[in-house]
C-alpha atoms as a PDB file:
ATOM      1  CA  UNK A   1     -18.907  26.162  34.143  1.00  0.00           C
ATOM      2  CA  UNK A   2     -16.651  24.111  31.913  1.00  0.00           C
ATOM      3  CA  UNK A   3     -13.191  25.471  31.259  1.00  0.00           C
ATOM      4  CA  UNK A   4     -12.246  26.522  27.705  1.00  0.00           C
ATOM      5  CA  UNK A   5      -9.740  23.679  27.324  1.00  0.00           C
ATOM      6  CA  UNK A   6     -12.372  21.081  28.262  1.00  0.00           C
ATOM      7  CA  UNK A   7     -14.748  22.493  25.683  1.00  0.00           C
ATOM      8  CA  UNK A   8     -12.082  22.469  22.989  1.00  0.00           C
ATOM      9  CA  UNK A   9     -11.109  18.853  23.717  1.00  0.00           C
ATOM     10  CA  UNK A  10     -14.784  17.876  23.700  1.00  0.00           C
ATOM     11  CA  UNK A  11     -15.451  19.573  20.341  1.00  0.00           C
ATOM     12  CA  UNK A  12     -12.346  18.112  18.704  1.00  0.00           C
ATOM     13  CA  UNK A  13     -13.146  14.600  19.863  1.00  0.00           C
ATOM     14  CA  UNK A  14     -16.768  14.899  18.790  1.00  0.00           C
ATOM     15  CA  UNK A  15     -15.554  15.798  15.295  1.00  0.00           C
ATOM     16  CA  UNK A  16     -13.083  12.888  15.410  1.00  0.00           C
ATOM     17  CA  UNK A  17     -15.899  10.543  16.424  1.00  0.00           C
ATOM     18  CA  UNK A  18     -17.963  11.696  13.447  1.00  0.00           C
ATOM     19  CA  UNK A  19     -14.936  11.093  11.191  1.00  0.00           C
ATOM     20  CA  UNK A  20     -14.492   7.551  12.516  1.00  0.00           C
ATOM     21  CA  UNK A  21     -17.991   6.516  11.406  1.00  0.00           C
ATOM     22  CA  UNK A  22     -17.433   6.764   7.609  1.00  0.00           C
ATOM     23  CA  UNK A  23     -13.914   5.273   7.953  1.00  0.00           C
ATOM     24  CA  UNK A  24     -15.293   2.248   9.809  1.00  0.00           C
ATOM     25  CA  UNK A  25     -18.192   2.047   7.342  1.00  0.00           C
ATOM     26  CA  UNK A  26     -15.775   2.046   4.389  1.00  0.00           C
ATOM     27  CA  UNK A  27     -13.806  -0.822   5.938  1.00  0.00           C
ATOM     28  CA  UNK A  28     -16.944  -2.868   6.537  1.00  0.00           C
ATOM     29  CA  UNK A  29     -18.146  -2.135   2.995  1.00  0.00           C
ATOM     30  CA  UNK A  30     -14.820  -3.291   1.519  1.00  0.00           C
ATOM     31  CA  UNK A  31     -14.946  -6.502   3.559  1.00  0.00           C
ATOM     32  CA  UNK A  32     -18.178  -7.492   1.805  1.00  0.00           C
ATOM     33  CA  UNK A  33     -17.861  -5.830  -1.615  1.00  0.00           C
ATOM     34  CA  UNK A  34     -14.143  -5.820  -2.514  1.00  0.00           C
ATOM     35  CA  UNK A  35     -13.240  -8.011  -5.486  1.00  0.00           C
ATOM     36  CA  UNK A  36      -9.501  -7.477  -5.945  1.00  0.00           C
ATOM     37  CA  UNK A  37      -6.528  -8.130  -3.663  1.00  0.00           C
ATOM     38  CA  UNK A  38      -5.679  -4.423  -3.675  1.00  0.00           C
ATOM     39  CA  UNK A  39      -9.110  -3.436  -2.432  1.00  0.00           C
ATOM     40  CA  UNK A  40      -9.108  -6.155   0.235  1.00  0.00           C
ATOM     41  CA  UNK A  41      -5.700  -4.929   1.404  1.00  0.00           C
ATOM     42  CA  UNK A  42      -7.352  -1.742   2.712  1.00  0.00           C
ATOM     43  CA  UNK A  43     -10.169  -3.561   4.501  1.00  0.00           C
ATOM     44  CA  UNK A  44      -8.505  -4.416   7.846  1.00  0.00           C
ATOM     45  CA  UNK A  45      -6.492  -1.155   8.196  1.00  0.00           C
ATOM     46  CA  UNK A  46      -9.655   0.918   7.659  1.00  0.00           C
ATOM     47  CA  UNK A  47     -11.660  -1.089  10.204  1.00  0.00           C
ATOM     48  CA  UNK A  48      -8.806  -0.903  12.737  1.00  0.00           C
ATOM     49  CA  UNK A  49      -8.392   2.859  12.184  1.00  0.00           C
ATOM     50  CA  UNK A  50     -12.138   3.459  12.479  1.00  0.00           C
ATOM     51  CA  UNK A  51     -12.418   1.507  15.753  1.00  0.00           C
ATOM     52  CA  UNK A  52      -9.284   3.178  17.149  1.00  0.00           C
ATOM     53  CA  UNK A  53     -10.535   6.702  16.389  1.00  0.00           C
ATOM     54  CA  UNK A  54     -13.977   5.875  17.791  1.00  0.00           C
ATOM     55  CA  UNK A  55     -12.654   4.508  21.105  1.00  0.00           C
ATOM     56  CA  UNK A  56     -10.075   7.257  21.632  1.00  0.00           C
ATOM     57  CA  UNK A  57     -12.457  10.073  20.703  1.00  0.00           C
ATOM     58  CA  UNK A  58     -15.125   8.726  23.068  1.00  0.00           C
ATOM     59  CA  UNK A  59     -12.559   8.552  25.864  1.00  0.00           C
ATOM     60  CA  UNK A  60     -11.487  12.140  25.211  1.00  0.00           C
ATOM     61  CA  UNK A  61     -15.069  13.375  24.818  1.00  0.00           C
ATOM     62  CA  UNK A  62     -16.396  11.757  28.015  1.00  0.00           C
ATOM     63  CA  UNK A  63     -13.221  12.508  29.950  1.00  0.00           C
ATOM     64  CA  UNK A  64     -13.277  16.217  29.094  1.00  0.00           C
ATOM     65  CA  UNK A  65     -16.998  16.925  29.222  1.00  0.00           C
ATOM     66  CA  UNK A  66     -17.983  14.641  32.123  1.00  0.00           C
ATOM     67  CA  UNK A  67     -14.814  15.287  34.133  1.00  0.00           C
ATOM     68  CA  UNK A  68     -13.833  11.606  34.167  1.00  0.00           C
ATOM     69  CA  UNK A  69     -10.126  11.931  34.900  1.00  0.00           C
ATOM     70  CA  UNK A  70      -9.051   8.331  34.250  1.00  0.00           C
ATOM     71  CA  UNK A  71     -10.594   8.417  30.729  1.00  0.00           C
ATOM     72  CA  UNK A  72      -8.854  11.708  29.995  1.00  0.00           C
ATOM     73  CA  UNK A  73      -5.612  10.231  31.320  1.00  0.00           C
ATOM     74  CA  UNK A  74      -6.055   7.251  28.973  1.00  0.00           C
ATOM     75  CA  UNK A  75      -6.751   9.676  26.111  1.00  0.00           C
ATOM     76  CA  UNK A  76      -3.578  11.671  26.828  1.00  0.00           C
ATOM     77  CA  UNK A  77      -1.510   8.486  27.085  1.00  0.00           C
ATOM     78  CA  UNK A  78      -2.732   7.314  23.675  1.00  0.00           C
ATOM     79  CA  UNK A  79      -2.094  10.783  22.221  1.00  0.00           C
ATOM     80  CA  UNK A  80       1.474  10.776  23.586  1.00  0.00           C
ATOM     81  CA  UNK A  81       2.189   7.335  22.093  1.00  0.00           C
ATOM     82  CA  UNK A  82       0.645   8.440  18.776  1.00  0.00           C
ATOM     83  CA  UNK A  83       2.809  11.577  18.672  1.00  0.00           C
ATOM     84  CA  UNK A  84       5.919   9.510  19.420  1.00  0.00           C
ATOM     85  CA  UNK A  85       5.109   6.891  16.750  1.00  0.00           C
ATOM     86  CA  UNK A  86       4.242   9.526  14.162  1.00  0.00           C
ATOM     87  CA  UNK A  87       7.489  11.380  14.837  1.00  0.00           C
ATOM     88  CA  UNK A  88       9.517   8.164  14.469  1.00  0.00           C
ATOM     89  CA  UNK A  89       7.702   7.204  11.257  1.00  0.00           C
ATOM     90  CA  UNK A  90       8.280  10.667   9.765  1.00  0.00           C
ATOM     91  CA  UNK A  91      12.026  10.490  10.469  1.00  0.00           C
ATOM     92  CA  UNK A  92      12.131   6.916   9.141  1.00  0.00           C
ATOM     93  CA  UNK A  93      10.277   7.928   5.948  1.00  0.00           C
ATOM     94  CA  UNK A  94      12.800  10.675   5.217  1.00  0.00           C
ATOM     95  CA  UNK A  95      15.741   8.320   5.863  1.00  0.00           C
ATOM     96  CA  UNK A  96      14.595   5.390   3.686  1.00  0.00           C
ATOM     97  CA  UNK A  97      13.504   7.647   0.801  1.00  0.00           C
ATOM     98  CA  UNK A  98      16.698   9.680   0.784  1.00  0.00           C
ATOM     99  CA  UNK A  99      18.341   7.508  -1.903  1.00  0.00           C
ATOM    100  CA  UNK A 100      17.258   6.824  -5.458  1.00  0.00           C
ATOM    101  CA  UNK A 101      16.133   8.859  -8.443  1.00  0.00           C
ATOM    102  CA  UNK A 102      15.259   8.364 -12.069  1.00  0.00           C
ATOM    103  CA  UNK A 103      18.019   8.426 -14.672  1.00  0.00           C
ATOM    104  CA  UNK A 104      17.660  10.805 -17.577  1.00  0.00           C
ATOM    105  CA  UNK A 105      17.802   9.011 -20.935  1.00  0.00           C
ATOM    106  CA  UNK A 106      19.170  10.857 -23.959  1.00  0.00           C
ATOM    107  CA  UNK A 107      16.466  12.105 -26.349  1.00  0.00           C
ATOM    108  CA  UNK A 108      13.695  10.711 -24.165  1.00  0.00           C
ATOM    109  CA  UNK A 109      10.933  12.553 -22.345  1.00  0.00           C
ATOM    110  CA  UNK A 110      10.839   9.932 -19.597  1.00  0.00           C
ATOM    111  CA  UNK A 111      13.301   8.691 -17.004  1.00  0.00           C
ATOM    112  CA  UNK A 112      14.278   5.101 -16.240  1.00  0.00           C
ATOM    113  CA  UNK A 113      14.743   3.494 -12.854  1.00  0.00           C
ATOM    114  CA  UNK A 114      17.130   0.928 -11.364  1.00  0.00           C
ATOM    115  CA  UNK A 115      16.339  -1.130  -8.295  1.00  0.00           C
ATOM    116  CA  UNK A 116      19.876  -0.868  -6.904  1.00  0.00           C
ATOM    117  CA  UNK A 117      19.653   2.934  -6.601  1.00  0.00           C
ATOM    118  CA  UNK A 118      17.223   2.784  -3.684  1.00  0.00           C
ATOM    119  CA  UNK A 119      17.724   2.067   0.006  1.00  0.00           C
ATOM    120  CA  UNK A 120      18.334  -1.532   1.060  1.00  0.00           C
ATOM    121  CA  UNK A 121      15.205  -1.524   3.237  1.00  0.00           C
ATOM    122  CA  UNK A 122      12.972  -0.585   0.301  1.00  0.00           C
ATOM    123  CA  UNK A 123      14.741  -3.070  -1.989  1.00  0.00           C
ATOM    124  CA  UNK A 124      14.036  -5.919   0.419  1.00  0.00           C
ATOM    125  CA  UNK A 125      10.328  -5.088   0.407  1.00  0.00           C
ATOM    126  CA  UNK A 126       9.992  -5.585  -3.364  1.00  0.00           C
ATOM    127  CA  UNK A 127      12.493  -8.401  -3.820  1.00  0.00           C
ATOM    128  CA  UNK A 128      10.442 -10.531  -1.432  1.00  0.00           C
ATOM    129  CA  UNK A 129       8.520 -12.866  -3.766  1.00  0.00           C
ATOM    130  CA  UNK A 130       5.276 -12.797  -1.791  1.00  0.00           C
ATOM    131  CA  UNK A 131       5.264  -8.991  -1.551  1.00  0.00           C
ATOM    132  CA  UNK A 132       6.074  -8.556  -5.218  1.00  0.00           C
ATOM    133  CA  UNK A 133       3.349 -10.950  -6.336  1.00  0.00           C
ATOM    134  CA  UNK A 134       0.808  -8.821  -4.463  1.00  0.00           C
ATOM    135  CA  UNK A 135       2.220  -5.597  -5.922  1.00  0.00           C
ATOM    136  CA  UNK A 136       2.285  -7.057  -9.425  1.00  0.00           C
ATOM    137  CA  UNK A 137      -1.306  -8.216  -9.070  1.00  0.00           C
ATOM    138  CA  UNK A 138      -2.333  -4.689  -8.087  1.00  0.00           C
ATOM    139  CA  UNK A 139      -0.478  -3.197 -11.062  1.00  0.00           C
ATOM    140  CA  UNK A 140      -2.199  -5.599 -13.443  1.00  0.00           C
ATOM    141  CA  UNK A 141      -5.612  -4.942 -11.876  1.00  0.00           C
ATOM    142  CA  UNK A 142      -5.103  -1.186 -12.222  1.00  0.00           C
ATOM    143  CA  UNK A 143      -4.484  -1.670 -15.993  1.00  0.00           C
ATOM    144  CA  UNK A 144      -1.734   0.932 -15.925  1.00  0.00           C
ATOM    145  CA  UNK A 145      -0.032  -0.487 -19.023  1.00  0.00           C
ATOM    146  CA  UNK A 146      -3.247  -1.106 -20.936  1.00  0.00           C
ATOM    147  CA  UNK A 147      -4.288   2.487 -20.321  1.00  0.00           C
ATOM    148  CA  UNK A 148      -0.877   3.654 -21.534  1.00  0.00           C
ATOM    149  CA  UNK A 149      -1.306   1.656 -24.747  1.00  0.00           C
ATOM    150  CA  UNK A 150      -4.825   3.003 -25.289  1.00  0.00           C
ATOM    151  CA  UNK A 151      -3.681   6.601 -24.825  1.00  0.00           C
ATOM    152  CA  UNK A 152      -0.800   6.349 -27.300  1.00  0.00           C
ATOM    153  CA  UNK A 153      -2.037   3.634 -29.649  1.00  0.00           C
ATOM    154  CA  UNK A 154      -1.524   5.621 -32.866  1.00  0.00           C
ATOM    155  CA  UNK A 155       1.766   7.242 -31.954  1.00  0.00           C
ATOM    156  CA  UNK A 156       5.009   6.622 -33.796  1.00  0.00           C
ATOM    157  CA  UNK A 157       8.195   5.776 -31.941  1.00  0.00           C
ATOM    158  CA  UNK A 158       9.487   9.381 -31.845  1.00  0.00           C
ATOM    159  CA  UNK A 159       6.195  10.619 -30.461  1.00  0.00           C
ATOM    160  CA  UNK A 160       6.215   7.938 -27.783  1.00  0.00           C
ATOM    161  CA  UNK A 161       9.802   8.728 -26.812  1.00  0.00           C
ATOM    162  CA  UNK A 162       8.790  12.323 -26.081  1.00  0.00           C
ATOM    163  CA  UNK A 163       6.147  11.274 -23.557  1.00  0.00           C
ATOM    164  CA  UNK A 164       6.640  12.079 -19.864  1.00  0.00           C
ATOM    165  CA  UNK A 165       5.846   8.629 -18.511  1.00  0.00           C
ATOM    166  CA  UNK A 166       5.217   7.913 -14.841  1.00  0.00           C
ATOM    167  CA  UNK A 167       7.830   5.791 -13.007  1.00  0.00           C
ATOM    168  CA  UNK A 168       5.560   2.713 -13.148  1.00  0.00           C
ATOM    169  CA  UNK A 169       4.741   3.218 -16.836  1.00  0.00           C
ATOM    170  CA  UNK A 170       8.419   3.626 -17.674  1.00  0.00           C
ATOM    171  CA  UNK A 171       9.629   0.725 -15.556  1.00  0.00           C
ATOM    172  CA  UNK A 172       6.852  -1.836 -16.047  1.00  0.00           C
ATOM    173  CA  UNK A 173       5.226  -1.214 -19.425  1.00  0.00           C
ATOM    174  CA  UNK A 174       8.239  -0.990 -21.736  1.00  0.00           C
ATOM    175  CA  UNK A 175      11.715  -2.543 -21.893  1.00  0.00           C
ATOM    176  CA  UNK A 176      14.771  -0.482 -20.877  1.00  0.00           C
ATOM    177  CA  UNK A 177      16.185   1.731 -23.624  1.00  0.00           C
ATOM    178  CA  UNK A 178      19.525  -0.097 -23.423  1.00  0.00           C
ATOM    179  CA  UNK A 179      17.846  -3.228 -24.835  1.00  0.00           C
ATOM    180  CA  UNK A 180      17.416  -1.506 -28.237  1.00  0.00           C
ATOM    181  CA  UNK A 181      14.155  -3.314 -28.964  1.00  0.00           C
ATOM    182  CA  UNK A 182      12.095  -2.252 -31.972  1.00  0.00           C
ATOM    183  CA  UNK A 183       8.993  -0.234 -31.110  1.00  0.00           C
ATOM    184  CA  UNK A 184       5.628  -1.526 -32.356  1.00  0.00           C
ATOM    185  CA  UNK A 185       3.204  -0.103 -29.757  1.00  0.00           C
ATOM    186  CA  UNK A 186       3.815   1.257 -26.230  1.00  0.00           C
ATOM    187  CA  UNK A 187       3.452  -2.277 -24.828  1.00  0.00           C
ATOM    188  CA  UNK A 188       4.652  -4.291 -27.819  1.00  0.00           C
ATOM    189  CA  UNK A 189       8.303  -4.421 -28.782  1.00  0.00           C
ATOM    190  CA  UNK A 190      10.264  -6.722 -31.077  1.00  0.00           C
ATOM    191  CA  UNK A 191      13.373  -8.374 -29.689  1.00  0.00           C
ATOM    192  CA  UNK A 192      16.474  -8.803 -31.838  1.00  0.00           C
ATOM    193  CA  UNK A 193      17.205 -12.394 -32.798  1.00  0.00           C
ATOM    194  CA  UNK A 194      20.254 -12.538 -30.510  1.00  0.00           C
ATOM    195  CA  UNK A 195      19.576 -11.506 -26.882  1.00  0.00           C
ATOM    196  CA  UNK A 196      22.183 -13.665 -25.142  1.00  0.00           C
ATOM    197  CA  UNK A 197      24.753 -10.863 -25.034  1.00  0.00           C
ATOM    198  CA  UNK A 198      22.640  -8.490 -22.914  1.00  0.00           C
ATOM    199  CA  UNK A 199      24.170  -7.490 -19.596  1.00  0.00           C
ATOM    200  CA  UNK A 200      20.812  -6.186 -18.355  1.00  0.00           C
ATOM    201  CA  UNK A 201      18.653  -9.132 -17.258  1.00  0.00           C
ATOM    202  CA  UNK A 202      15.520  -7.065 -17.954  1.00  0.00           C
ATOM    203  CA  UNK A 203      16.172  -7.427 -21.691  1.00  0.00           C
ATOM    204  CA  UNK A 204      15.723 -11.191 -21.496  1.00  0.00           C
ATOM    205  CA  UNK A 205      12.911 -10.970 -18.939  1.00  0.00           C
ATOM    206  CA  UNK A 206      10.731  -8.771 -21.178  1.00  0.00           C
ATOM    207  CA  UNK A 207       8.039 -10.393 -23.287  1.00  0.00           C
ATOM    208  CA  UNK A 208       4.952  -8.989 -24.972  1.00  0.00           C
ATOM    209  CA  UNK A 209       2.573 -10.984 -22.764  1.00  0.00           C
ATOM    210  CA  UNK A 210       3.909 -10.295 -19.266  1.00  0.00           C
ATOM    211  CA  UNK A 211       5.577  -7.009 -20.304  1.00  0.00           C
ATOM    212  CA  UNK A 212       8.202  -5.975 -17.737  1.00  0.00           C
ATOM    213  CA  UNK A 213       6.258  -6.767 -14.548  1.00  0.00           C
ATOM    214  CA  UNK A 214       9.035  -9.159 -13.489  1.00  0.00           C
ATOM    215  CA  UNK A 215      11.833  -6.729 -14.382  1.00  0.00           C
ATOM    216  CA  UNK A 216      14.180  -4.953 -11.980  1.00  0.00           C
ATOM    217  CA  UNK A 217      13.202  -1.701 -13.716  1.00  0.00           C
ATOM    218  CA  UNK A 218       9.566  -2.272 -12.737  1.00  0.00           C
ATOM    219  CA  UNK A 219      10.545  -2.723  -9.097  1.00  0.00           C
ATOM    220  CA  UNK A 220      12.637   0.447  -9.373  1.00  0.00           C
ATOM    221  CA  UNK A 221       9.654   2.327 -10.832  1.00  0.00           C
ATOM    222  CA  UNK A 222       7.426   1.128  -7.985  1.00  0.00           C
ATOM    223  CA  UNK A 223      10.012   2.268  -5.413  1.00  0.00           C
ATOM    224  CA  UNK A 224      10.268   5.675  -7.088  1.00  0.00           C
ATOM    225  CA  UNK A 225       6.491   5.980  -6.854  1.00  0.00           C
ATOM    226  CA  UNK A 226       6.590   4.915  -3.187  1.00  0.00           C
ATOM    227  CA  UNK A 227       9.382   7.411  -2.536  1.00  0.00           C
ATOM    228  CA  UNK A 228       7.351  10.273  -4.015  1.00  0.00           C
ATOM    229  CA  UNK A 229       4.255   9.296  -2.040  1.00  0.00           C
ATOM    230  CA  UNK A 230       6.154   8.872   1.229  1.00  0.00           C
ATOM    231  CA  UNK A 231       7.743  12.299   0.830  1.00  0.00           C
ATOM    232  CA  UNK A 232       4.258  13.813   0.572  1.00  0.00           C
ATOM    233  CA  UNK A 233       3.031  11.747   3.539  1.00  0.00           C
ATOM    234  CA  UNK A 234       6.018  12.863   5.624  1.00  0.00           C
ATOM    235  CA  UNK A 235       5.234  16.531   4.949  1.00  0.00           C
ATOM    236  CA  UNK A 236       1.583  15.982   5.894  1.00  0.00           C
ATOM    237  CA  UNK A 237       2.764  14.142   9.024  1.00  0.00           C
ATOM    238  CA  UNK A 238       4.778  17.169  10.130  1.00  0.00           C
ATOM    239  CA  UNK A 239       1.676  19.364   9.888  1.00  0.00           C
ATOM    240  CA  UNK A 240      -0.389  16.710  11.673  1.00  0.00           C
ATOM    241  CA  UNK A 241       2.266  16.401  14.398  1.00  0.00           C
ATOM    242  CA  UNK A 242       2.048  20.124  15.117  1.00  0.00           C
ATOM    243  CA  UNK A 243      -1.733  19.790  15.356  1.00  0.00           C
ATOM    244  CA  UNK A 244      -1.470  16.767  17.695  1.00  0.00           C
ATOM    245  CA  UNK A 245       1.000  18.560  19.966  1.00  0.00           C
ATOM    246  CA  UNK A 246      -1.416  21.493  20.266  1.00  0.00           C
ATOM    247  CA  UNK A 247      -4.334  19.131  21.016  1.00  0.00           C
ATOM    248  CA  UNK A 248      -2.198  17.229  23.544  1.00  0.00           C
ATOM    249  CA  UNK A 249      -1.299  20.503  25.285  1.00  0.00           C
ATOM    250  CA  UNK A 250      -4.961  21.522  25.467  1.00  0.00           C
ATOM    251  CA  UNK A 251      -5.792  18.031  26.756  1.00  0.00           C
ATOM    252  CA  UNK A 252      -3.237  18.394  29.531  1.00  0.00           C
ATOM    253  CA  UNK A 253      -4.904  21.648  30.555  1.00  0.00           C
ATOM    254  CA  UNK A 254      -8.283  19.895  30.583  1.00  0.00           C
ATOM    255  CA  UNK A 255      -6.838  17.065  32.700  1.00  0.00           C
ATOM    256  CA  UNK A 256      -5.480  19.617  35.171  1.00  0.00           C
ATOM    257  CA  UNK A 257      -8.907  21.267  35.296  1.00  0.00           C
ATOM    258  CA  UNK A 258     -10.522  17.895  36.042  1.00  0.00           C
ATOM    259  CA  UNK A 259      -8.169  17.262  38.927  1.00  0.00           C
ATOM    260  CA  UNK A 260      -8.786  20.743  40.366  1.00  0.00           C
ATOM    261  CA  UNK A 261     -12.556  20.431  40.021  1.00  0.00           C
ATOM    262  CA  UNK A 262     -12.618  16.912  41.452  1.00  0.00           C
ATOM    263  CA  UNK A 263     -10.469  17.943  44.413  1.00  0.00           C
ATOM    264  CA  UNK A 264     -13.225  20.207  45.778  1.00  0.00           C
ATOM    265  CA  UNK A 265     -16.015  18.412  47.658  1.00  0.00           C
ATOM    266  CA  UNK A 266     -19.452  18.857  46.215  1.00  0.00           C
ATOM    267  CA  UNK A 267     -22.133  19.587  48.751  1.00  0.00           C
ATOM    268  CA  UNK A 268     -25.748  18.897  48.131  1.00  0.00           C
ATOM    269  CA  UNK A 269     -27.865  21.988  48.598  1.00  0.00           C
ATOM    270  CA  UNK A 270     -30.835  21.652  50.908  1.00  0.00           C
ATOM    271  CA  UNK A 271     -33.809  23.990  50.932  1.00  0.00           C
END
């Protein structure tokens, strides 16, 4: 009779195998149907994740249920490495997102963001021209600024200033408040005739065609969004780590059971 730990490992890995099928299918679907750079960006990670989960879950399933010790050993090794990597990533995520926050602007419902407020590691990711061109392309494809303009098209300047804009909307779709541009629509602003005296380079970078996608404030807004998302991911990772440690412990018990069972000779019964 199978031990309880073997059954648990088998059930968990069967469920993981079932999960890997739609993940792998989504990656294959994106490889043939994706139109934008942002969609194609997810293609290879999804395929890799799907294949990884499928191989590891099969190793755990066969190792636990068929008492194949070397497969279960491989499964436990991969689980240990995964726990270690996930722990390191969680600590890293908390460290690199520790700095940076939006600045409150007087009489405004939104905050504004500066690139220099965030960690050097995050700054380097968005100041890299190739990386930023990809990010900017994704922002344009998502129509975040167009949607903002459509939502507030009939609003006056005071109404717009009361809006609680997202970090990307605040940083990329409008010029910084310090520029003192004249409001026309959420994504259309009139520059004063003399802009040479501005200390903020974003004031000269802004134009009504490209908006502020090349501004430092836009990069700051993107980093604030990344920071918020990574904080959530780190919290989920902690919960997932606890789950993985429990599964790893159960797997170790199953591996011990395999070794005990395989150490006894099996005799063929004769009538």
